[in-house]
Amino acid sequence: MIDLSTWNLSIPVGSPPTTIQTSRLMSGFKDQYFQAEGSNVQFWTPVTGTRTENAIYPRSELRETYADGRLRNWTYPDADNFLRATLAVNQVPSTGKI
């Protein structure tokens, strides 16, 4: 299972977009915008979804937090960051912009 103990989830519903807190993620939260099973995570976002402030497109996203739930806002010089992932895009808008 992917470790979601220091993450919040933003989904493109409501204005501003809805935040799913860490405790709900850890309790097995699933909906049409987010599912986590084993080592797999799946996101979905409609082109008509709501956007976060300063974003051009809507999105579903994980936001890293501290253990106490406060958002952790990294700046690039703070650390060496690395992500290894396999990505599959199963659907794109008719404009082709993603």
N, C-alpha and C. Protein backbone atom coordinates (compact mmCIF):
# COMPACT_ATOMS: atom_id res chain seq x y z
N MET A 1 0.84 -1.18 0.00
CA MET A 1 0.00 0.00 0.00
C MET A 1 0.88 1.24 0.00
N ILE A 2 0.53 2.19 -0.79
CA ILE A 2 1.25 3.46 -0.81
C ILE A 2 1.02 4.17 0.53
N ASP A 3 2.06 4.79 1.04
CA ASP A 3 1.98 5.48 2.34
C ASP A 3 1.38 6.87 2.14
N LEU A 4 0.16 7.06 2.58
CA LEU A 4 -0.54 8.34 2.44
C LEU A 4 -0.58 9.11 3.76
N SER A 5 0.27 8.74 4.71
CA SER A 5 0.21 9.31 6.06
C SER A 5 0.67 10.76 6.14
N THR A 6 1.29 11.28 5.11
CA THR A 6 1.69 12.69 5.11
C THR A 6 1.23 13.39 3.83
N TRP A 7 -0.03 13.10 3.46
CA TRP A 7 -0.58 13.71 2.24
C TRP A 7 -2.02 14.11 2.45
N ASN A 8 -2.42 15.21 1.84
CA ASN A 8 -3.82 15.60 1.65
C ASN A 8 -4.12 15.42 0.18
N LEU A 9 -5.39 15.34 -0.16
CA LEU A 9 -5.81 15.19 -1.55
C LEU A 9 -6.71 16.35 -1.92
N SER A 10 -6.46 16.96 -3.05
CA SER A 10 -7.33 18.00 -3.59
C SER A 10 -8.06 17.40 -4.79
N ILE A 11 -9.40 17.51 -4.77
CA ILE A 11 -10.20 17.02 -5.90
C ILE A 11 -11.00 18.18 -6.48
N PRO A 12 -11.28 18.14 -7.80
CA PRO A 12 -11.87 19.28 -8.51
C PRO A 12 -13.38 19.42 -8.33
N VAL A 13 -13.83 19.48 -7.08
CA VAL A 13 -15.25 19.59 -6.75
C VAL A 13 -15.42 20.75 -5.80
N GLY A 14 -16.36 21.63 -6.08
CA GLY A 14 -16.62 22.77 -5.20
C GLY A 14 -15.71 23.94 -5.52
N SER A 15 -15.94 25.03 -4.84
CA SER A 15 -15.13 26.23 -5.05
C SER A 15 -14.81 26.85 -3.69
N PRO A 16 -13.60 26.76 -3.22
CA PRO A 16 -12.43 26.17 -3.87
C PRO A 16 -12.55 24.65 -3.93
N PRO A 17 -11.65 23.99 -4.68
CA PRO A 17 -11.70 22.53 -4.76
C PRO A 17 -11.67 21.89 -3.36
N THR A 18 -12.23 20.72 -3.25
CA THR A 18 -12.36 20.02 -1.98
C THR A 18 -11.03 19.40 -1.56
N THR A 19 -10.70 19.55 -0.28
CA THR A 19 -9.51 18.91 0.29
C THR A 19 -9.94 17.72 1.13
N ILE A 20 -9.36 16.58 0.84
CA ILE A 20 -9.58 15.37 1.63
C ILE A 20 -8.39 15.26 2.58
N GLN A 21 -8.65 15.31 3.87
CA GLN A 21 -7.59 15.31 4.87
C GLN A 21 -6.93 13.93 4.98
N THR A 22 -5.73 13.93 5.52
CA THR A 22 -4.92 12.72 5.67
C THR A 22 -5.69 11.59 6.36
N SER A 23 -6.41 11.91 7.42
CA SER A 23 -7.12 10.87 8.17
C SER A 23 -8.13 10.14 7.29
N ARG A 24 -8.81 10.86 6.40
CA ARG A 24 -9.77 10.20 5.49
C ARG A 24 -9.05 9.36 4.45
N LEU A 25 -7.90 9.85 3.96
CA LEU A 25 -7.12 9.05 3.01
C LEU A 25 -6.66 7.75 3.67
N MET A 26 -6.19 7.85 4.91
CA MET A 26 -5.69 6.68 5.63
C MET A 26 -6.80 5.69 5.96
N SER A 27 -8.05 6.15 5.96
CA SER A 27 -9.19 5.27 6.22
C SER A 27 -9.70 4.60 4.96
N GLY A 28 -8.97 4.75 3.86
CA GLY A 28 -9.35 4.07 2.62
C GLY A 28 -10.23 4.88 1.70
N PHE A 29 -10.17 6.22 1.77
CA PHE A 29 -10.99 7.07 0.91
C PHE A 29 -10.84 6.69 -0.56
N LYS A 30 -11.96 6.57 -1.25
CA LYS A 30 -12.00 6.35 -2.70
C LYS A 30 -13.19 7.11 -3.25
N ASP A 31 -13.04 7.65 -4.44
CA ASP A 31 -14.17 8.21 -5.17
C ASP A 31 -13.80 8.21 -6.65
N GLN A 32 -14.59 8.87 -7.48
CA GLN A 32 -14.32 8.85 -8.91
C GLN A 32 -13.05 9.60 -9.28
N TYR A 33 -12.55 10.46 -8.41
CA TYR A 33 -11.36 11.26 -8.70
C TYR A 33 -10.07 10.66 -8.18
N PHE A 34 -10.15 9.70 -7.26
CA PHE A 34 -8.95 9.15 -6.64
C PHE A 34 -9.20 7.74 -6.11
N GLN A 35 -8.26 6.85 -6.40
CA GLN A 35 -8.28 5.50 -5.84
C GLN A 35 -6.85 5.07 -5.59
N ALA A 36 -6.60 4.43 -4.47
CA ALA A 36 -5.28 3.89 -4.15
C ALA A 36 -5.46 2.44 -3.72
N GLU A 37 -4.78 1.55 -4.43
CA GLU A 37 -4.82 0.13 -4.09
C GLU A 37 -3.44 -0.44 -4.28
N GLY A 38 -2.93 -1.08 -3.24
CA GLY A 38 -1.57 -1.63 -3.31
C GLY A 38 -0.58 -0.51 -3.57
N SER A 39 0.25 -0.69 -4.57
CA SER A 39 1.23 0.36 -4.91
C SER A 39 0.73 1.24 -6.05
N ASN A 40 -0.54 1.12 -6.41
CA ASN A 40 -1.11 1.89 -7.51
C ASN A 40 -1.98 3.04 -7.01
N VAL A 41 -1.87 4.15 -7.69
CA VAL A 41 -2.70 5.32 -7.41
C VAL A 41 -3.31 5.76 -8.73
N GLN A 42 -4.61 6.04 -8.72
CA GLN A 42 -5.30 6.47 -9.94
C GLN A 42 -6.00 7.78 -9.67
N PHE A 43 -5.79 8.74 -10.57
CA PHE A 43 -6.44 10.05 -10.49
C PHE A 43 -7.31 10.23 -11.72
N TRP A 44 -8.40 10.97 -11.58
CA TRP A 44 -9.23 11.37 -12.72
C TRP A 44 -9.70 12.79 -12.47
N THR A 45 -9.73 13.58 -13.53
CA THR A 45 -10.19 14.96 -13.43
C THR A 45 -10.99 15.31 -14.68
N PRO A 46 -12.22 15.79 -14.52
CA PRO A 46 -12.98 16.23 -15.69
C PRO A 46 -12.49 17.60 -16.16
N VAL A 47 -12.59 17.86 -17.44
CA VAL A 47 -12.16 19.17 -17.95
C VAL A 47 -13.02 20.29 -17.38
N THR A 48 -14.19 19.96 -16.87
CA THR A 48 -15.10 20.96 -16.29
C THR A 48 -14.91 21.10 -14.78
N GLY A 49 -13.91 20.42 -14.21
CA GLY A 49 -13.68 20.48 -12.77
C GLY A 49 -13.19 21.85 -12.33
N THR A 50 -13.27 22.12 -11.03
CA THR A 50 -12.80 23.41 -10.51
C THR A 50 -11.28 23.40 -10.39
N ARG A 51 -10.71 24.60 -10.45
CA ARG A 51 -9.26 24.78 -10.43
C ARG A 51 -8.82 25.36 -9.10
N THR A 52 -7.60 25.02 -8.72
CA THR A 52 -7.00 25.68 -7.57
C THR A 52 -6.56 27.07 -8.00
N GLU A 53 -6.33 27.94 -7.02
CA GLU A 53 -5.91 29.30 -7.30
C GLU A 53 -4.64 29.29 -8.14
N ASN A 54 -4.60 30.14 -9.15
CA ASN A 54 -3.46 30.30 -10.07
C ASN A 54 -3.25 29.13 -11.03
N ALA A 55 -4.14 28.15 -11.06
CA ALA A 55 -4.01 27.02 -11.99
C ALA A 55 -4.78 27.32 -13.27
N ILE A 56 -4.26 26.84 -14.39
CA ILE A 56 -4.94 27.00 -15.67
C ILE A 56 -5.97 25.90 -15.87
N TYR A 57 -5.62 24.68 -15.48
CA TYR A 57 -6.49 23.52 -15.69
C TYR A 57 -6.89 22.91 -14.35
N PRO A 58 -8.05 22.25 -14.32
CA PRO A 58 -8.44 21.54 -13.09
C PRO A 58 -7.54 20.32 -12.89
N ARG A 59 -7.48 19.85 -11.65
CA ARG A 59 -6.65 18.67 -11.39
C ARG A 59 -7.04 18.02 -10.07
N SER A 60 -6.72 16.75 -9.97
CA SER A 60 -6.74 16.02 -8.70
C SER A 60 -5.28 15.85 -8.33
N GLU A 61 -4.93 16.17 -7.08
CA GLU A 61 -3.51 16.10 -6.73
C GLU A 61 -3.31 15.82 -5.25
N LEU A 62 -2.20 15.17 -4.96
CA LEU A 62 -1.77 14.97 -3.58
C LEU A 62 -0.90 16.15 -3.18
N ARG A 63 -1.09 16.63 -1.96
CA ARG A 63 -0.27 17.71 -1.40
C ARG A 63 0.43 17.16 -0.16
N GLU A 64 1.75 17.25 -0.13
CA GLU A 64 2.50 16.73 1.01
C GLU A 64 2.24 17.57 2.25
N THR A 65 2.16 16.89 3.39
CA THR A 65 1.93 17.56 4.67
C THR A 65 2.98 17.13 5.68
N TYR A 66 3.08 17.90 6.76
CA TYR A 66 3.83 17.46 7.92
C TYR A 66 2.97 16.44 8.66
N ALA A 67 3.55 15.75 9.62
CA ALA A 67 2.81 14.74 10.40
C ALA A 67 1.59 15.33 11.10
N ASP A 68 1.64 16.63 11.44
CA ASP A 68 0.50 17.26 12.12
C ASP A 68 -0.58 17.75 11.16
N GLY A 69 -0.41 17.53 9.85
CA GLY A 69 -1.42 17.91 8.87
C GLY A 69 -1.20 19.23 8.18
N ARG A 70 -0.26 20.06 8.67
CA ARG A 70 0.02 21.33 7.99
C ARG A 70 0.65 21.05 6.63
N LEU A 71 0.30 21.88 5.64
CA LEU A 71 0.88 21.71 4.31
C LEU A 71 2.38 21.93 4.33
N ARG A 72 3.07 21.12 3.59
CA ARG A 72 4.52 21.25 3.46
C ARG A 72 4.78 21.84 2.08
N ASN A 73 5.28 23.05 2.04
CA ASN A 73 5.56 23.72 0.77
C ASN A 73 7.06 23.74 0.52
N TRP A 74 7.47 22.86 -0.36
CA TRP A 74 8.88 22.74 -0.70
C TRP A 74 9.32 23.87 -1.60
N THR A 75 10.56 24.26 -1.46
CA THR A 75 11.20 25.10 -2.47
C THR A 75 12.31 24.25 -3.07
N TYR A 76 12.60 24.45 -4.33
CA TYR A 76 13.54 23.58 -5.04
C TYR A 76 14.90 23.42 -4.37
N PRO A 77 15.50 24.47 -3.81
CA PRO A 77 16.82 24.28 -3.19
C PRO A 77 16.79 23.51 -1.86
N ASP A 78 15.60 23.27 -1.29
CA ASP A 78 15.52 22.64 0.03
C ASP A 78 15.97 21.18 0.07
N ALA A 79 15.83 20.47 -1.03
CA ALA A 79 16.13 19.04 -0.99
C ALA A 79 16.32 18.49 -2.39
N ASP A 80 16.92 17.32 -2.44
CA ASP A 80 16.97 16.57 -3.69
C ASP A 80 15.70 15.74 -3.73
N ASN A 81 14.90 15.91 -4.75
CA ASN A 81 13.63 15.21 -4.85
C ASN A 81 13.67 14.26 -6.03
N PHE A 82 13.06 13.09 -5.84
CA PHE A 82 13.09 12.07 -6.87
C PHE A 82 11.76 11.33 -6.87
N LEU A 83 11.22 11.13 -8.03
CA LEU A 83 9.99 10.36 -8.18
C LEU A 83 10.19 9.34 -9.28
N ARG A 84 9.91 8.10 -8.97
CA ARG A 84 9.95 7.06 -9.98
C ARG A 84 8.52 6.55 -10.14
N ALA A 85 8.01 6.58 -11.35
CA ALA A 85 6.62 6.18 -11.56
C ALA A 85 6.43 5.66 -12.97
N THR A 86 5.40 4.89 -13.13
CA THR A 86 4.93 4.49 -14.45
C THR A 86 3.59 5.18 -14.64
N LEU A 87 3.45 5.88 -15.74
CA LEU A 87 2.26 6.69 -15.99
C LEU A 87 1.50 6.15 -17.18
N ALA A 88 0.20 6.10 -17.05
CA ALA A 88 -0.66 5.76 -18.17
C ALA A 88 -1.73 6.83 -18.27
N VAL A 89 -1.88 7.43 -19.44
CA VAL A 89 -2.94 8.40 -19.69
C VAL A 89 -4.00 7.66 -20.49
N ASN A 90 -5.16 7.45 -19.88
CA ASN A 90 -6.21 6.64 -20.48
C ASN A 90 -7.25 7.44 -21.24
N GLN A 91 -7.26 8.75 -21.04
CA GLN A 91 -8.26 9.59 -21.69
C GLN A 91 -7.74 11.01 -21.71
N VAL A 92 -7.95 11.71 -22.81
CA VAL A 92 -7.55 13.12 -22.91
C VAL A 92 -8.72 13.93 -23.44
N PRO A 93 -8.76 15.23 -23.16
CA PRO A 93 -9.82 16.08 -23.69
C PRO A 93 -9.72 16.16 -25.22
N SER A 94 -10.80 16.53 -25.85
CA SER A 94 -10.81 16.63 -27.31
C SER A 94 -9.80 17.65 -27.83
N THR A 95 -9.42 18.62 -26.99
CA THR A 95 -8.42 19.61 -27.41
C THR A 95 -7.02 19.01 -27.40
N GLY A 96 -6.85 17.88 -26.71
CA GLY A 96 -5.54 17.27 -26.60
C GLY A 96 -4.67 17.90 -25.54
N LYS A 97 -5.14 18.96 -24.89
CA LYS A 97 -4.34 19.64 -23.87
C LYS A 97 -4.53 18.94 -22.52
N ILE A 98 -3.41 18.56 -21.93
CA ILE A 98 -3.46 17.95 -20.59
C ILE A 98 -2.37 18.53 -19.73
